[in-house]
C-alpha atoms as a PDB file:
ATOM      1  CA  MET A   1     -57.458 -50.995 120.919  1.00  0.00           C
ATOM      2  CA  SER A   2     -55.212 -54.083 120.975  1.00  0.00           C
ATOM      3  CA  ARG A   3     -53.438 -55.125 124.234  1.00  0.00           C
ATOM      4  CA  SER A   4     -50.767 -56.643 122.170  1.00  0.00           C
ATOM      5  CA  GLY A   5     -48.324 -55.834 119.176  1.00  0.00           C
ATOM      6  CA  SER A   6     -45.647 -53.459 118.079  1.00  0.00           C
ATOM      7  CA  TYR A   7     -45.240 -50.000 119.464  1.00  0.00           C
ATOM      8  CA  ALA A   8     -43.313 -46.844 118.721  1.00  0.00           C
ATOM      9  CA  THR A   9     -41.851 -45.641 121.968  1.00  0.00           C
ATOM     10  CA  PHE A  10     -40.824 -42.120 122.888  1.00  0.00           C
ATOM     11  CA  PHE A  11     -39.894 -40.108 125.982  1.00  0.00           C
ATOM     12  CA  VAL A  12     -41.518 -37.008 127.147  1.00  0.00           C
ATOM     13  CA  GLY A  13     -40.044 -35.880 130.723  1.00  0.00           C
ATOM     14  CA  ASP A  14     -40.037 -38.772 132.890  1.00  0.00           C
ATOM     15  CA  PHE A  15     -42.724 -40.698 130.767  1.00  0.00           C
ATOM     16  CA  PHE A  16     -42.246 -43.552 128.567  1.00  0.00           C
ATOM     17  CA  PHE A  17     -44.939 -43.676 126.164  1.00  0.00           C
ATOM     18  CA  GLY A  18     -45.723 -46.222 123.128  1.00  0.00           C
ATOM     19  CA  ILE A  19     -48.265 -45.531 120.212  1.00  0.00           C
ATOM     20  CA  PRO A  20     -49.246 -48.537 117.965  1.00  0.00           C
ATOM     21  CA  ILE A  21     -47.150 -48.926 114.774  1.00  0.00           C
ATOM     22  CA  ALA A  22     -50.263 -50.026 113.121  1.00  0.00           C
ATOM     23  CA  ILE A  23     -51.719 -46.424 112.971  1.00  0.00           C
ATOM     24  CA  GLY A  24     -48.969 -45.475 110.594  1.00  0.00           C
ATOM     25  CA  VAL A  25     -45.898 -44.308 112.682  1.00  0.00           C
ATOM     26  CA  GLU A  26     -43.188 -42.325 111.324  1.00  0.00           C
ATOM     27  CA  VAL A  27     -40.460 -40.581 112.811  1.00  0.00           C
ATOM     28  CA  THR A  28     -38.420 -37.367 111.678  1.00  0.00           C
ATOM     29  CA  LYS A  29     -35.942 -34.986 113.308  1.00  0.00           C
ATOM     30  CA  GLY A  30     -35.677 -31.153 112.457  1.00  0.00           C
ATOM     31  CA  GLN A  31     -38.795 -30.471 110.799  1.00  0.00           C
ATOM     32  CA  GLU A  32     -39.498 -26.620 110.788  1.00  0.00           C
ATOM     33  CA  VAL A  33     -42.535 -25.882 112.522  1.00  0.00           C
ATOM     34  CA  THR A  34     -44.712 -22.846 110.935  1.00  0.00           C
ATOM     35  CA  PRO A  35     -46.545 -21.379 114.345  1.00  0.00           C
ATOM     36  CA  VAL A  36     -50.250 -20.760 114.603  1.00  0.00           C
ATOM     37  CA  PRO A  37     -50.591 -17.387 116.543  1.00  0.00           C
ATOM     38  CA  LEU A  38     -54.318 -17.689 117.726  1.00  0.00           C
ATOM     39  CA  GLY A  39     -54.253 -21.882 117.825  1.00  0.00           C
ATOM     40  CA  PRO A  40     -54.538 -23.828 121.144  1.00  0.00           C
ATOM     41  CA  LYS A  41     -51.775 -23.599 123.069  1.00  0.00           C
ATOM     42  CA  GLU A  42     -50.945 -27.508 122.647  1.00  0.00           C
ATOM     43  CA  VAL A  43     -50.225 -26.757 118.810  1.00  0.00           C
ATOM     44  CA  ALA A  44     -46.741 -26.036 118.179  1.00  0.00           C
ATOM     45  CA  GLY A  45     -47.674 -25.342 114.487  1.00  0.00           C
ATOM     46  CA  PHE A  46     -47.765 -27.160 111.279  1.00  0.00           C
ATOM     47  CA  PHE A  47     -45.354 -28.730 108.889  1.00  0.00           C
ATOM     48  CA  ASN A  48     -45.241 -29.498 105.366  1.00  0.00           C
ATOM     49  CA  LEU A  49     -44.348 -33.249 105.147  1.00  0.00           C
ATOM     50  CA  ARG A  50     -43.923 -34.321 101.450  1.00  0.00           C
ATOM     51  CA  GLY A  51     -46.741 -31.703 100.402  1.00  0.00           C
ATOM     52  CA  GLN A  52     -49.167 -32.725 103.099  1.00  0.00           C
ATOM     53  CA  ILE A  53     -49.876 -30.184 105.960  1.00  0.00           C
ATOM     54  CA  VAL A  54     -49.723 -31.873 109.585  1.00  0.00           C
ATOM     55  CA  THR A  55     -50.556 -30.531 112.873  1.00  0.00           C
ATOM     56  CA  ALA A  56     -47.905 -30.335 115.136  1.00  0.00           C
ATOM     57  CA  ILE A  57     -48.759 -30.881 119.021  1.00  0.00           C
ATOM     58  CA  ASN A  58     -46.144 -30.179 121.676  1.00  0.00           C
ATOM     59  CA  MET A  59     -46.605 -33.331 124.014  1.00  0.00           C
ATOM     60  CA  ARG A  60     -44.873 -31.281 126.902  1.00  0.00           C
ATOM     61  CA  VAL A  61     -47.568 -28.653 126.922  1.00  0.00           C
ATOM     62  CA  ARG A  62     -50.605 -31.331 126.231  1.00  0.00           C
ATOM     63  CA  LEU A  63     -49.006 -33.121 129.304  1.00  0.00           C
ATOM     64  CA  GLY A  64     -48.834 -29.757 131.602  1.00  0.00           C
ATOM     65  CA  LEU A  65     -44.902 -30.223 131.712  1.00  0.00           C
ATOM     66  CA  PRO A  66     -42.733 -27.028 131.397  1.00  0.00           C
ATOM     67  CA  ALA A  67     -42.136 -26.365 127.367  1.00  0.00           C
ATOM     68  CA  VAL A  68     -38.534 -26.946 125.932  1.00  0.00           C
ATOM     69  CA  ASP A  69     -37.344 -25.446 123.011  1.00  0.00           C
ATOM     70  CA  HIS A  70     -35.633 -28.396 121.089  1.00  0.00           C
ATOM     71  CA  GLY A  71     -34.868 -25.909 118.115  1.00  0.00           C
ATOM     72  CA  SER A  72     -33.658 -27.811 114.924  1.00  0.00           C
ATOM     73  CA  ASP A  73     -33.341 -30.966 117.051  1.00  0.00           C
ATOM     74  CA  ALA A  74     -37.077 -31.237 117.465  1.00  0.00           C
ATOM     75  CA  LEU A  75     -38.104 -35.079 117.338  1.00  0.00           C
ATOM     76  CA  SER A  76     -41.581 -35.895 115.518  1.00  0.00           C
ATOM     77  CA  ILE A  77     -43.867 -38.876 116.011  1.00  0.00           C
ATOM     78  CA  PHE A  78     -46.318 -38.900 113.018  1.00  0.00           C
ATOM     79  CA  PHE A  79     -49.535 -40.790 112.966  1.00  0.00           C
ATOM     80  CA  GLN A  80     -52.935 -40.722 111.321  1.00  0.00           C
ATOM     81  CA  ASP A  81     -56.325 -39.905 113.071  1.00  0.00           C
ATOM     82  CA  GLN A  82     -59.431 -39.755 111.074  1.00  0.00           C
ATOM     83  CA  ASP A  83     -57.800 -39.279 107.803  1.00  0.00           C
ATOM     84  CA  HIS A  84     -55.519 -36.388 109.346  1.00  0.00           C
ATOM     85  CA  LEU A  85     -52.052 -36.514 109.850  1.00  0.00           C
ATOM     86  CA  PHE A  86     -50.709 -35.538 113.085  1.00  0.00           C
ATOM     87  CA  ALA A  87     -46.946 -35.152 114.588  1.00  0.00           C
ATOM     88  CA  LEU A  88     -46.180 -35.457 118.288  1.00  0.00           C
ATOM     89  CA  LEU A  89     -42.955 -33.510 119.263  1.00  0.00           C
ATOM     90  CA  VAL A  90     -41.483 -35.397 121.932  1.00  0.00           C
ATOM     91  CA  ASP A  91     -38.120 -35.217 124.070  1.00  0.00           C
ATOM     92  CA  ARG A  92     -36.398 -38.298 122.758  1.00  0.00           C
ATOM     93  CA  VAL A  93     -37.349 -41.286 120.615  1.00  0.00           C
ATOM     94  CA  GLY A  94     -37.130 -44.812 121.984  1.00  0.00           C
ATOM     95  CA  ASP A  95     -37.208 -48.244 119.935  1.00  0.00           C
ATOM     96  CA  PHE A  96     -39.782 -50.175 118.258  1.00  0.00           C
ATOM     97  CA  THR A  97     -41.126 -52.553 121.120  1.00  0.00           C
ATOM     98  CA  GLU A  98     -43.138 -55.747 120.801  1.00  0.00           C
ATOM     99  CA  VAL A  99     -45.453 -56.464 123.534  1.00  0.00           C
ATOM    100  CA  THR A 100     -47.865 -59.332 124.606  1.00  0.00           C
ATOM    101  CA  GLU A 101     -51.131 -59.316 126.347  1.00  0.00           C
ATOM    102  CA  ASN A 102     -49.230 -61.214 129.269  1.00  0.00           C
ATOM    103  CA  THR A 103     -47.374 -57.749 130.357  1.00  0.00           C
ATOM    104  CA  TYR A 104     -50.491 -55.255 130.001  1.00  0.00           C
ATOM    105  CA  GLU A 105     -52.190 -53.871 133.027  1.00  0.00           C
ATOM    106  CA  GLU A 106     -54.778 -51.156 133.182  1.00  0.00           C
ATOM    107  CA  THR A 107     -53.786 -47.592 133.849  1.00  0.00           C
ATOM    108  CA  PRO A 108     -52.576 -46.841 137.486  1.00  0.00           C
ATOM    109  CA  SER A 109     -54.733 -45.018 139.461  1.00  0.00           C
ATOM    110  CA  ASN A 110     -51.743 -43.032 140.865  1.00  0.00           C
ATOM    111  CA  LEU A 111     -50.327 -41.741 137.407  1.00  0.00           C
ATOM    112  CA  ASP A 112     -50.311 -38.148 136.663  1.00  0.00           C
ATOM    113  CA  PRO A 113     -53.792 -37.167 135.990  1.00  0.00           C
ATOM    114  CA  ASN A 114     -52.503 -34.896 132.888  1.00  0.00           C
ATOM    115  CA  ALA A 115     -51.006 -37.914 131.558  1.00  0.00           C
ATOM    116  CA  ARG A 116     -53.710 -40.709 132.891  1.00  0.00           C
ATOM    117  CA  GLU A 117     -56.478 -39.167 130.569  1.00  0.00           C
ATOM    118  CA  LEU A 118     -54.593 -39.966 127.505  1.00  0.00           C
ATOM    119  CA  ILE A 119     -53.360 -43.525 128.449  1.00  0.00           C
ATOM    120  CA  VAL A 120     -55.450 -46.758 127.724  1.00  0.00           C
ATOM    121  CA  GLY A 121     -53.317 -49.050 129.645  1.00  0.00           C
ATOM    122  CA  VAL A 122     -49.620 -50.107 130.513  1.00  0.00           C
ATOM    123  CA  HIS A 123     -47.105 -52.767 129.747  1.00  0.00           C
ATOM    124  CA  LYS A 124     -44.667 -53.755 132.446  1.00  0.00           C
ATOM    125  CA  LEU A 125     -41.483 -54.199 130.773  1.00  0.00           C
ATOM    126  CA  ALA A 126     -38.324 -55.517 132.401  1.00  0.00           C
ATOM    127  CA  ASP A 127     -36.521 -51.999 133.156  1.00  0.00           C
ATOM    128  CA  LYS A 128     -39.823 -49.586 133.016  1.00  0.00           C
ATOM    129  CA  LEU A 129     -43.452 -49.048 132.506  1.00  0.00           C
ATOM    130  CA  LEU A 130     -44.644 -48.416 128.854  1.00  0.00           C
ATOM    131  CA  LEU A 131     -47.655 -45.950 128.992  1.00  0.00           C
ATOM    132  CA  VAL A 132     -49.848 -46.601 125.905  1.00  0.00           C
ATOM    133  CA  LEU A 133     -51.170 -43.427 124.352  1.00  0.00           C
ATOM    134  CA  ASP A 134     -54.637 -43.210 122.949  1.00  0.00           C
ATOM    135  CA  THR A 135     -53.617 -40.759 120.203  1.00  0.00           C
ATOM    136  CA  HIS A 136     -57.216 -40.127 119.227  1.00  0.00           C
ATOM    137  CA  LYS A 137     -57.616 -38.727 122.944  1.00  0.00           C
ATOM    138  CA  ILE A 138     -54.389 -36.588 122.487  1.00  0.00           C
ATOM    139  CA  VAL A 139     -56.095 -34.888 119.340  1.00  0.00           C
ATOM    140  CA  SER A 140     -59.796 -34.769 120.274  1.00  0.00           C
ATOM    141  CA  GLY A 141     -58.753 -33.244 123.729  1.00  0.00           C
ATOM    142  CA  ILE A 142     -57.450 -30.088 121.947  1.00  0.00           C
ATOM    143  CA  ASN A 143     -60.781 -29.786 119.804  1.00  0.00           C
ATOM    144  CA  LEU A 144     -58.960 -30.368 116.387  1.00  0.00           C
ATOM    145  CA  VAL A 145     -60.863 -33.648 115.471  1.00  0.00           C
ATOM    146  CA  GLN A 146     -64.693 -34.164 115.982  1.00  0.00           C
ATOM    147  CA  SER A 147     -64.938 -36.956 118.435  1.00  0.00           C
END
């Protein structure tokens, strides 16, 4: 994964995350989620996005944070992984941010373990730390995609 480029940013709890725009990021609000009764706890359900079935992952649950019902105001960040479309349900969407290799650092060892396993590095920005997510680890960690 590149250490520089454009990232779509978002918040989950106190965490400020980014995922590379290059993986096909799209943001929506208010998508109706159809629950999966016997699915993994991290899977909130499925969407129908322009005729394509999308797996919705609740990032609060994935990170071990208390779940919050966002109702019709749920925000989703969509991305592709191994020809499958996924959505991350997040608390708040940030901006698109451009970063360079100069701001990149390895993942801090004192980061929450639930987040640390999903992070490939961080970028020190002027006012906060951007945690770069490995989207494949998010979906493979809940056994939705073969590694």
